[in-house]
Amino acid sequence: MTLEQAQQQVDEWIKTHGVRYFNELTNMAMLTEEVGEVARIMARRYGEQSEKESDKHKDLGDEMADVLWVLICLANQTGVNLTEAFARNLEKKSQRDKDRHHQNPKLK
């Protein structure tokens, strides 16, 4: 599935199963909440914090998909074409950072 297809699928789902998009500020708050859920799993599963029993069966992929879902909703609401935006972002990173990471002694 491409990003464009994902944007279309989310829009169709909202129109078919949802009443409407939540407003942009609500979705921004929801995005923050979903990122927090990913951060909690990462910190406890891969970081130094101990993992609580209630978190051990949480699906990291599902939580990441929740982040992607809300991000796609925000893109749809604000007229952002994620395919084009990602391509521009990758080009920017490729130009700006083409040598930067190779010269970082912390990465060697």
C-alpha atoms as a PDB file:
ATOM      1  CA  MET A   1       0.000   0.000   0.000  1.00  0.00           C
ATOM      2  CA  THR A   2       1.324   3.437  -0.877  1.00  0.00           C
ATOM      3  CA  LEU A   3       0.961   6.501   1.320  1.00  0.00           C
ATOM      4  CA  GLU A   4      -1.543   7.864  -1.197  1.00  0.00           C
ATOM      5  CA  GLN A   5      -3.600   4.690  -0.956  1.00  0.00           C
ATOM      6  CA  ALA A   6      -3.426   4.836   2.835  1.00  0.00           C
ATOM      7  CA  GLN A   7      -4.700   8.419   2.786  1.00  0.00           C
ATOM      8  CA  GLN A   8      -7.567   7.402   0.506  1.00  0.00           C
ATOM      9  CA  GLN A   9      -8.418   4.362   2.622  1.00  0.00           C
ATOM     10  CA  VAL A  10      -8.515   6.365   5.847  1.00  0.00           C
ATOM     11  CA  ASP A  11     -10.723   8.987   4.185  1.00  0.00           C
ATOM     12  CA  GLU A  12     -13.096   6.309   2.913  1.00  0.00           C
ATOM     13  CA  TRP A  13     -13.226   4.684   6.360  1.00  0.00           C
ATOM     14  CA  ILE A  14     -14.021   8.012   8.033  1.00  0.00           C
ATOM     15  CA  LYS A  15     -16.800   8.686   5.516  1.00  0.00           C
ATOM     16  CA  THR A  16     -18.209   5.136   5.791  1.00  0.00           C
ATOM     17  CA  HIS A  17     -17.770   4.235   9.453  1.00  0.00           C
ATOM     18  CA  GLY A  18     -17.095   7.506  11.206  1.00  0.00           C
ATOM     19  CA  VAL A  19     -19.387  10.457  11.450  1.00  0.00           C
ATOM     20  CA  ARG A  20     -16.660  12.916  10.459  1.00  0.00           C
ATOM     21  CA  TYR A  21     -13.039  13.684  11.191  1.00  0.00           C
ATOM     22  CA  PHE A  22     -12.364  14.930  14.695  1.00  0.00           C
ATOM     23  CA  ASN A  23     -11.186  18.523  14.456  1.00  0.00           C
ATOM     24  CA  GLU A  24      -7.511  19.154  13.882  1.00  0.00           C
ATOM     25  CA  LEU A  25      -6.718  20.111  17.467  1.00  0.00           C
ATOM     26  CA  THR A  26      -8.448  17.010  18.812  1.00  0.00           C
ATOM     27  CA  ASN A  27      -6.494  14.876  16.359  1.00  0.00           C
ATOM     28  CA  MET A  28      -3.259  16.603  17.384  1.00  0.00           C
ATOM     29  CA  ALA A  29      -3.970  15.729  21.011  1.00  0.00           C
ATOM     30  CA  MET A  30      -4.794  12.163  19.969  1.00  0.00           C
ATOM     31  CA  LEU A  31      -1.528  11.939  18.019  1.00  0.00           C
ATOM     32  CA  THR A  32       0.372  13.002  21.114  1.00  0.00           C
ATOM     33  CA  GLU A  33      -1.455  10.376  23.157  1.00  0.00           C
ATOM     34  CA  GLU A  34      -0.704   7.621  20.633  1.00  0.00           C
ATOM     35  CA  VAL A  35       2.986   8.604  20.439  1.00  0.00           C
ATOM     36  CA  GLY A  36       3.045   8.412  24.233  1.00  0.00           C
ATOM     37  CA  GLU A  37       1.747   4.846  24.090  1.00  0.00           C
ATOM     38  CA  VAL A  38       4.547   3.902  21.670  1.00  0.00           C
ATOM     39  CA  ALA A  39       7.069   5.653  23.932  1.00  0.00           C
ATOM     40  CA  ARG A  40       5.833   3.734  26.967  1.00  0.00           C
ATOM     41  CA  ILE A  41       6.295   0.373  25.248  1.00  0.00           C
ATOM     42  CA  MET A  42       9.716   1.354  23.881  1.00  0.00           C
ATOM     43  CA  ALA A  43      10.961   2.678  27.227  1.00  0.00           C
ATOM     44  CA  ARG A  44       9.828  -0.397  29.116  1.00  0.00           C
ATOM     45  CA  ARG A  45      10.542  -3.105  26.553  1.00  0.00           C
ATOM     46  CA  TYR A  46      13.795  -1.785  25.076  1.00  0.00           C
ATOM     47  CA  GLY A  47      14.914   0.822  27.591  1.00  0.00           C
ATOM     48  CA  GLU A  48      15.975   0.650  31.181  1.00  0.00           C
ATOM     49  CA  GLN A  49      12.555   0.787  32.808  1.00  0.00           C
ATOM     50  CA  SER A  50      11.001  -2.488  33.871  1.00  0.00           C
ATOM     51  CA  GLU A  51       8.008  -3.595  31.863  1.00  0.00           C
ATOM     52  CA  LYS A  52       4.773  -3.748  33.803  1.00  0.00           C
ATOM     53  CA  GLU A  53       2.743  -6.922  33.532  1.00  0.00           C
ATOM     54  CA  SER A  54      -0.123  -4.943  31.992  1.00  0.00           C
ATOM     55  CA  ASP A  55       2.183  -3.781  29.159  1.00  0.00           C
ATOM     56  CA  LYS A  56       3.827  -7.095  28.290  1.00  0.00           C
ATOM     57  CA  HIS A  57       1.176  -8.125  25.783  1.00  0.00           C
ATOM     58  CA  LYS A  58       0.754  -4.759  24.073  1.00  0.00           C
ATOM     59  CA  ASP A  59       1.400  -4.889  20.346  1.00  0.00           C
ATOM     60  CA  LEU A  60       4.022  -2.306  19.362  1.00  0.00           C
ATOM     61  CA  GLY A  61       3.058  -2.551  15.696  1.00  0.00           C
ATOM     62  CA  ASP A  62      -0.585  -1.850  16.505  1.00  0.00           C
ATOM     63  CA  GLU A  63       0.400   1.182  18.550  1.00  0.00           C
ATOM     64  CA  MET A  64       2.598   2.455  15.716  1.00  0.00           C
ATOM     65  CA  ALA A  65      -0.318   1.954  13.321  1.00  0.00           C
ATOM     66  CA  ASP A  66      -2.472   4.097  15.642  1.00  0.00           C
ATOM     67  CA  VAL A  67       0.132   6.871  15.299  1.00  0.00           C
ATOM     68  CA  LEU A  68       0.101   6.484  11.515  1.00  0.00           C
ATOM     69  CA  TRP A  69      -3.720   6.522  11.423  1.00  0.00           C
ATOM     70  CA  VAL A  70      -4.004   9.825  13.270  1.00  0.00           C
ATOM     71  CA  LEU A  71      -1.133  11.341  11.284  1.00  0.00           C
ATOM     72  CA  ILE A  72      -2.935  10.381   8.063  1.00  0.00           C
ATOM     73  CA  CYS A  73      -6.142  11.934   9.394  1.00  0.00           C
ATOM     74  CA  LEU A  74      -4.282  15.180  10.048  1.00  0.00           C
ATOM     75  CA  ALA A  75      -2.718  15.082   6.590  1.00  0.00           C
ATOM     76  CA  ASN A  76      -6.127  14.564   4.983  1.00  0.00           C
ATOM     77  CA  GLN A  77      -7.674  17.369   6.992  1.00  0.00           C
ATOM     78  CA  THR A  78      -4.946  19.867   6.198  1.00  0.00           C
ATOM     79  CA  GLY A  79      -4.509  18.988   2.522  1.00  0.00           C
ATOM     80  CA  VAL A  80      -1.047  17.449   2.886  1.00  0.00           C
ATOM     81  CA  ASN A  81      -0.102  14.846   0.284  1.00  0.00           C
ATOM     82  CA  LEU A  82       2.129  12.564   2.357  1.00  0.00           C
ATOM     83  CA  THR A  83       3.704  10.945  -0.704  1.00  0.00           C
ATOM     84  CA  GLU A  84       4.923  14.308  -1.978  1.00  0.00           C
ATOM     85  CA  ALA A  85       5.848  15.567   1.493  1.00  0.00           C
ATOM     86  CA  PHE A  86       7.856  12.426   2.268  1.00  0.00           C
ATOM     87  CA  ALA A  87       9.691  12.592  -1.062  1.00  0.00           C
ATOM     88  CA  ARG A  88      10.622  16.238  -0.418  1.00  0.00           C
ATOM     89  CA  ASN A  89      11.698  15.384   3.122  1.00  0.00           C
ATOM     90  CA  LEU A  90      13.872  12.490   1.960  1.00  0.00           C
ATOM     91  CA  GLU A  91      15.528  14.742  -0.628  1.00  0.00           C
ATOM     92  CA  LYS A  92      16.141  17.407   2.031  1.00  0.00           C
ATOM     93  CA  LYS A  93      17.720  14.862   4.356  1.00  0.00           C
ATOM     94  CA  SER A  94      19.787  13.393   1.527  1.00  0.00           C
ATOM     95  CA  GLN A  95      21.237  16.811   0.660  1.00  0.00           C
ATOM     96  CA  ARG A  96      21.651  18.132   4.180  1.00  0.00           C
ATOM     97  CA  ASP A  97      22.870  14.953   5.863  1.00  0.00           C
ATOM     98  CA  LYS A  98      24.691  13.111   3.062  1.00  0.00           C
ATOM     99  CA  ASP A  99      28.035  13.297   4.923  1.00  0.00           C
ATOM    100  CA  ARG A 100      26.920  14.318   8.393  1.00  0.00           C
ATOM    101  CA  HIS A 101      26.371  10.847   9.861  1.00  0.00           C
ATOM    102  CA  HIS A 102      29.513   9.380   8.293  1.00  0.00           C
ATOM    103  CA  GLN A 103      31.530  12.034  10.080  1.00  0.00           C
ATOM    104  CA  ASN A 104      29.920  11.410  13.463  1.00  0.00           C
ATOM    105  CA  PRO A 105      32.437   9.555  15.660  1.00  0.00           C
ATOM    106  CA  LYS A 106      29.618   8.390  17.945  1.00  0.00           C
ATOM    107  CA  LEU A 107      28.255   6.220  15.132  1.00  0.00           C
ATOM    108  CA  LYS A 108      31.533   4.411  14.401  1.00  0.00           C
END
